Amino acid sequence: MPRTRALRRTSIAAALCLALASCASFPPLGVDRVREFTVETPDAGAELDGYRIALVTDVHYGNRFSRARLDALVEAVNALGADCVILGGDHTLGYAQIAPFAEAAGRIRARDGVFAVVGNHDFFNGRSATIRTLRAAGIVVLDETVVETPRGVFFAGTNDLRDVFPTMGPFLEILPPRDRFTVLVTHNPDLAAEIDLSPFDLVLSGHTHGGQITVRGYAPIIPSEYGQRFRSGWVDVGGTPVIVSNGVGYGGSVLRFRVGAPSEIIVITVRSTAREKGR
């Protein structure tokens, strides 16, 4: 066997062993990393300059994701001191985990509140129960709705694309004027390729897990109709930034580990260019 091929196989085997070993423990923050992005926009007034949004998605609590790890995650999110926190969907393994997840998530604190959308797994786990229980815990669930924070940030949230296709007509009618800073939260980033994003300054998504298992940045299996396009990170769609998180937990019932797709909390810092535009 050529030496390079043997080294490649050894590297892959070592990575798999490390991934499997990590399933028995978890990083101190509950995730492997905190990844940061900066979004510049004239629609955010000077009072929003430096506004920080934390995105936590795809926890899949209960799917080899323990209560101790969930508690560590909540503490880590609170320590970030973000102005608001977004829970991006696919919160639990099943119906039995909805109540304990909501109890823990209800301890997340942010100046402008905690907002959530539902994902495809939440749809099957108990969509109504998920929404009801999260709301009872003090979390604002965006269910084809738009909410304005006290500081004038608008968060718009849609149903999961492949389970309940968003009713975009009525939804777009309730959006604010286009010169207001508006964030679209949608579990599945594929929606960004299928609707007009001009009313939005930013789109936040999860769902893809960054591929969960990747080889040199390529995911052999990815839950998207657009291949690798929305695998992870910043994607520009017609001038609108779409930020896709790798998520926190694991999908599937067999390959419940990660290779080359670190679990993460994403933090977005908003920078206002309003002065440059004479606002």
Protein backbone atom coordinates (compact mmCIF):
# COMPACT_ATOMS: atom_id res chain seq x y z
CA MET A 1 0.00 0.00 0.00
CA PRO A 2 1.42 3.44 -0.90
CA ARG A 3 2.61 5.36 2.13
CA THR A 4 0.34 8.39 1.46
CA ARG A 5 -2.76 6.18 1.31
CA ALA A 6 -1.81 4.46 4.55
CA LEU A 7 -1.31 7.82 6.27
CA ARG A 8 -4.67 9.04 5.00
CA ARG A 9 -6.46 5.99 6.33
CA THR A 10 -4.64 6.27 9.65
CA SER A 11 -5.67 9.94 9.94
CA ILE A 12 -9.31 9.13 9.21
CA ALA A 13 -9.29 6.27 11.72
CA ALA A 14 -7.71 8.52 14.35
CA ALA A 15 -10.34 11.21 13.74
CA LEU A 16 -13.15 8.68 14.10
CA CYS A 17 -11.67 7.36 17.36
CA LEU A 18 -11.43 10.87 18.76
CA ALA A 19 -15.02 11.61 17.70
CA LEU A 20 -16.31 8.44 19.35
CA ALA A 21 -14.36 9.19 22.50
CA SER A 22 -15.82 12.68 22.64
CA CYS A 23 -19.32 11.21 22.81
CA ALA A 24 -18.56 10.02 26.34
CA SER A 25 -17.69 13.54 27.49
CA PHE A 26 -18.33 17.09 26.36
CA PRO A 27 -16.41 20.36 26.10
CA PRO A 28 -16.66 22.78 29.05
CA LEU A 29 -18.88 25.21 27.14
CA GLY A 30 -21.19 22.45 25.92
CA VAL A 31 -19.89 23.18 22.41
CA ASP A 32 -16.52 23.01 20.69
CA ARG A 33 -16.34 26.71 19.89
CA VAL A 34 -17.94 30.12 19.75
CA ARG A 35 -17.79 31.44 16.17
CA GLU A 36 -18.22 35.16 15.53
CA PHE A 37 -19.42 37.17 12.54
CA THR A 38 -19.93 40.89 11.95
CA VAL A 39 -22.81 42.24 9.88
CA GLU A 40 -22.71 45.82 8.61
CA THR A 41 -25.96 47.51 7.61
CA PRO A 42 -27.39 51.03 7.24
CA ASP A 43 -30.74 49.78 8.54
CA ALA A 44 -29.35 49.52 12.06
CA GLY A 45 -29.28 52.97 13.62
CA ALA A 46 -26.34 54.18 15.67
CA GLU A 47 -28.10 52.94 18.82
CA LEU A 48 -27.76 49.37 17.53
CA ASP A 49 -24.06 49.61 16.75
CA GLY A 50 -22.44 46.70 18.60
CA TYR A 51 -25.72 44.81 19.11
CA ARG A 52 -24.93 41.10 19.65
CA ILE A 53 -27.10 38.15 18.68
CA ALA A 54 -26.31 34.61 19.87
CA LEU A 55 -27.57 31.71 17.73
CA VAL A 56 -27.98 28.29 19.38
CA THR A 57 -29.51 25.63 17.20
CA ASP A 58 -29.93 21.88 16.68
CA VAL A 59 -29.39 20.84 20.28
CA HIS A 60 -31.30 17.57 19.77
CA TYR A 61 -31.43 17.25 23.55
CA GLY A 62 -31.53 13.59 24.56
CA ASN A 63 -29.79 12.29 21.45
CA ARG A 64 -26.50 11.52 23.20
CA PHE A 65 -26.80 15.03 24.63
CA SER A 66 -27.01 14.92 28.41
CA ARG A 67 -28.66 17.22 30.94
CA ALA A 68 -25.22 18.09 32.31
CA ARG A 69 -24.15 19.23 28.86
CA LEU A 70 -27.36 21.20 28.40
CA ASP A 71 -26.77 22.97 31.72
CA ALA A 72 -23.19 23.79 30.66
CA LEU A 73 -24.51 25.16 27.37
CA VAL A 74 -27.02 27.43 29.14
CA GLU A 75 -24.26 28.77 31.40
CA ALA A 76 -22.00 29.40 28.41
CA VAL A 77 -24.73 31.28 26.55
CA ASN A 78 -25.47 33.44 29.57
CA ALA A 79 -21.76 34.21 30.00
CA LEU A 80 -21.65 35.66 26.48
CA GLY A 81 -23.89 38.54 27.57
CA ALA A 82 -25.59 38.74 24.16
CA ASP A 83 -28.38 41.28 23.65
CA CYS A 84 -30.68 38.51 22.46
CA VAL A 85 -30.54 34.76 21.97
CA ILE A 86 -32.05 32.78 19.11
CA LEU A 87 -32.91 29.07 19.42
CA GLY A 88 -32.90 27.83 15.86
CA GLY A 89 -34.98 24.66 16.04
CA ASP A 90 -34.55 20.88 16.37
CA HIS A 91 -34.49 21.30 20.10
CA THR A 92 -35.06 17.71 21.27
CA LEU A 93 -34.80 14.02 20.46
CA GLY A 94 -38.48 13.38 21.11
CA TYR A 95 -41.63 14.34 22.95
CA ALA A 96 -40.32 13.25 26.36
CA GLN A 97 -37.47 15.77 26.20
CA ILE A 98 -39.59 18.84 25.39
CA ALA A 99 -40.42 19.82 28.99
CA PRO A 100 -36.91 19.41 30.45
CA PHE A 101 -35.38 21.22 27.48
CA ALA A 102 -37.79 24.13 27.90
CA GLU A 103 -37.05 24.29 31.64
CA ALA A 104 -33.32 24.59 30.97
CA ALA A 105 -33.73 26.98 28.03
CA GLY A 106 -35.97 29.13 30.22
CA ARG A 107 -32.87 29.93 32.29
CA ILE A 108 -31.18 31.66 29.35
CA ARG A 109 -30.97 35.39 29.96
CA ALA A 110 -30.58 38.19 27.43
CA ARG A 111 -31.42 41.90 27.60
CA ASP A 112 -33.90 41.77 24.71
CA GLY A 113 -35.12 38.24 25.34
CA VAL A 114 -34.89 34.72 23.94
CA PHE A 115 -36.59 33.80 20.66
CA ALA A 116 -37.13 30.43 18.99
CA VAL A 117 -38.38 28.74 15.85
CA VAL A 118 -39.29 25.09 15.34
CA GLY A 119 -37.40 22.69 13.11
CA ASN A 120 -38.30 19.57 11.20
CA HIS A 121 -37.65 17.30 14.20
CA ASP A 122 -39.82 19.50 16.41
CA PHE A 123 -42.61 19.09 13.88
CA PHE A 124 -42.60 15.31 14.37
CA ASN A 125 -41.73 15.34 18.07
CA GLY A 126 -44.76 17.46 18.90
CA ARG A 127 -44.92 20.82 17.22
CA SER A 128 -47.79 22.24 19.29
CA ALA A 129 -46.34 20.92 22.55
CA THR A 130 -42.93 22.39 21.69
CA ILE A 131 -44.37 25.83 20.99
CA ARG A 132 -46.65 25.79 24.04
CA THR A 133 -43.95 24.58 26.44
CA LEU A 134 -41.29 27.00 25.21
CA ARG A 135 -43.71 29.90 25.53
CA ALA A 136 -44.62 28.82 29.07
CA ALA A 137 -40.89 28.99 29.88
CA GLY A 138 -40.78 32.63 28.78
CA ILE A 139 -39.35 32.08 25.31
CA VAL A 140 -40.89 33.96 22.38
CA VAL A 141 -41.67 31.42 19.65
CA LEU A 142 -41.74 32.95 16.18
CA ASP A 143 -44.45 30.98 14.39
CA GLU A 144 -45.04 32.90 11.15
CA THR A 145 -44.77 36.00 13.30
CA VAL A 146 -42.71 39.18 13.60
CA VAL A 147 -41.61 40.69 16.91
CA GLU A 148 -39.99 44.07 17.56
CA THR A 149 -37.58 44.29 20.49
CA PRO A 150 -37.52 47.36 22.77
CA ARG A 151 -34.51 48.65 20.86
CA GLY A 152 -36.10 48.37 17.47
CA VAL A 153 -34.74 45.10 16.09
CA PHE A 154 -37.33 43.06 14.21
CA PHE A 155 -37.18 39.25 14.36
CA ALA A 156 -39.29 37.36 11.84
CA GLY A 157 -39.62 33.59 12.17
CA THR A 158 -41.08 31.00 9.82
CA ASN A 159 -42.20 27.41 10.02
CA ASP A 160 -39.80 24.72 8.86
CA LEU A 161 -39.51 24.78 5.09
CA ARG A 162 -39.99 21.09 4.30
CA ASP A 163 -42.73 20.35 6.85
CA VAL A 164 -45.02 23.39 6.82
CA PHE A 165 -44.05 25.61 3.91
CA PRO A 166 -44.18 29.21 5.14
CA THR A 167 -47.21 31.17 3.98
CA MET A 168 -45.01 33.95 2.66
CA GLY A 169 -47.79 36.17 1.28
CA PRO A 170 -49.47 37.04 4.61
CA PHE A 171 -46.09 36.84 6.37
CA LEU A 172 -44.51 39.49 4.16
CA GLU A 173 -47.49 41.78 4.75
CA ILE A 174 -46.66 42.08 8.45
CA LEU A 175 -42.98 42.91 7.98
CA PRO A 176 -41.73 46.37 8.99
CA PRO A 177 -40.61 49.04 6.49
CA ARG A 178 -37.48 48.04 4.62
CA ASP A 179 -35.30 50.65 6.32
CA ARG A 180 -35.68 48.86 9.69
CA PHE A 181 -33.17 46.23 10.78
CA THR A 182 -34.97 42.92 10.26
CA VAL A 183 -33.67 39.40 10.91
CA LEU A 184 -35.29 36.31 9.39
CA VAL A 185 -34.94 33.17 11.51
CA THR A 186 -35.65 29.95 9.65
CA HIS A 187 -34.46 26.50 10.67
CA ASN A 188 -33.75 25.31 7.13
CA PRO A 189 -31.43 27.58 5.10
CA ASP A 190 -32.83 26.26 1.81
CA LEU A 191 -35.63 28.79 2.26
CA ALA A 192 -33.11 31.54 1.51
CA ALA A 193 -32.76 30.24 -2.04
CA GLU A 194 -36.51 30.05 -2.62
CA ILE A 195 -37.91 33.42 -1.49
CA ASP A 196 -37.19 37.11 -1.96
CA LEU A 197 -34.77 38.14 0.78
CA SER A 198 -34.83 41.86 0.02
CA PRO A 199 -36.99 42.67 3.11
CA PHE A 200 -34.32 41.19 5.39
CA ASP A 201 -30.92 42.40 6.54
CA LEU A 202 -29.84 39.01 7.85
CA VAL A 203 -30.96 35.38 7.79
CA LEU A 204 -30.10 32.91 10.58
CA SER A 205 -30.40 29.14 10.13
CA GLY A 206 -29.14 25.74 11.25
CA HIS A 207 -30.38 22.31 10.16
CA THR A 208 -27.31 21.17 8.18
CA HIS A 209 -25.07 20.47 11.22
CA GLY A 210 -22.18 21.67 9.06
CA GLY A 211 -22.47 18.24 7.47
CA GLN A 212 -21.71 16.71 10.92
CA ILE A 213 -19.15 14.42 9.28
CA THR A 214 -16.99 16.15 6.72
CA VAL A 215 -13.85 15.32 4.75
CA ARG A 216 -11.73 18.35 3.92
CA GLY A 217 -14.75 20.62 4.10
CA TYR A 218 -17.00 18.32 2.04
CA ALA A 219 -20.03 16.67 3.60
CA PRO A 220 -20.95 13.35 1.94
CA ILE A 221 -24.42 13.54 3.51
CA ILE A 222 -26.14 16.89 3.96
CA PRO A 223 -29.87 17.65 4.42
CA SER A 224 -30.16 20.31 1.73
CA GLU A 225 -31.51 20.48 -1.80
CA TYR A 226 -28.57 22.74 -2.67
CA GLY A 227 -25.62 20.47 -1.99
CA GLN A 228 -22.75 22.10 -0.14
CA ARG A 229 -23.98 25.67 -0.66
CA PHE A 230 -25.58 26.07 2.78
CA ARG A 231 -23.36 23.63 4.66
CA SER A 232 -21.89 26.10 7.14
CA GLY A 233 -21.06 29.73 7.80
CA TRP A 234 -21.66 32.91 5.80
CA VAL A 235 -23.47 32.57 2.46
CA ASP A 236 -24.31 35.64 0.38
CA VAL A 237 -27.71 35.35 -1.32
CA GLY A 238 -28.44 38.32 -3.54
CA GLY A 239 -26.59 40.64 -1.19
CA THR A 240 -28.25 39.34 1.99
CA PRO A 241 -26.01 37.45 4.43
CA VAL A 242 -27.30 34.00 5.38
CA ILE A 243 -25.47 32.62 8.40
CA VAL A 244 -25.76 28.86 8.89
CA SER A 245 -24.67 27.32 12.18
CA ASN A 246 -23.13 23.88 12.54
CA GLY A 247 -25.44 23.53 15.51
CA VAL A 248 -24.81 22.05 18.93
CA GLY A 249 -25.86 18.41 19.04
CA TYR A 250 -26.06 15.33 16.85
CA GLY A 251 -28.55 14.11 14.27
CA GLY A 252 -29.30 10.53 13.39
CA SER A 253 -29.48 7.36 15.46
CA VAL A 254 -26.16 5.76 14.49
CA LEU A 255 -23.50 8.33 13.58
CA ARG A 256 -23.99 10.48 16.66
CA PHE A 257 -20.62 12.21 16.54
CA ARG A 258 -18.87 14.92 14.56
CA VAL A 259 -15.81 14.97 12.32
CA GLY A 260 -14.64 18.26 10.79
CA ALA A 261 -17.84 20.08 11.74
CA PRO A 262 -17.32 21.51 15.25
CA SER A 263 -20.38 22.13 17.39
CA GLU A 264 -20.82 25.84 18.00
CA ILE A 265 -22.61 28.86 19.30
CA ILE A 266 -22.61 31.66 16.75
CA VAL A 267 -22.41 35.29 17.83
CA ILE A 268 -23.25 38.05 15.34
CA THR A 269 -22.21 41.62 16.05
CA VAL A 270 -24.19 44.28 14.22
CA ARG A 271 -22.32 47.34 12.98
CA SER A 272 -24.27 50.38 11.89
CA THR A 273 -23.29 52.24 8.72
CA ALA A 274 -26.20 54.65 9.16
CA ARG A 275 -23.92 57.67 9.55
CA GLU A 276 -22.22 56.87 6.29
CA LYS A 277 -25.62 56.89 4.61
CA GLY A 278 -26.59 60.15 6.27
CA ARG A 279 -29.23 58.59 8.53
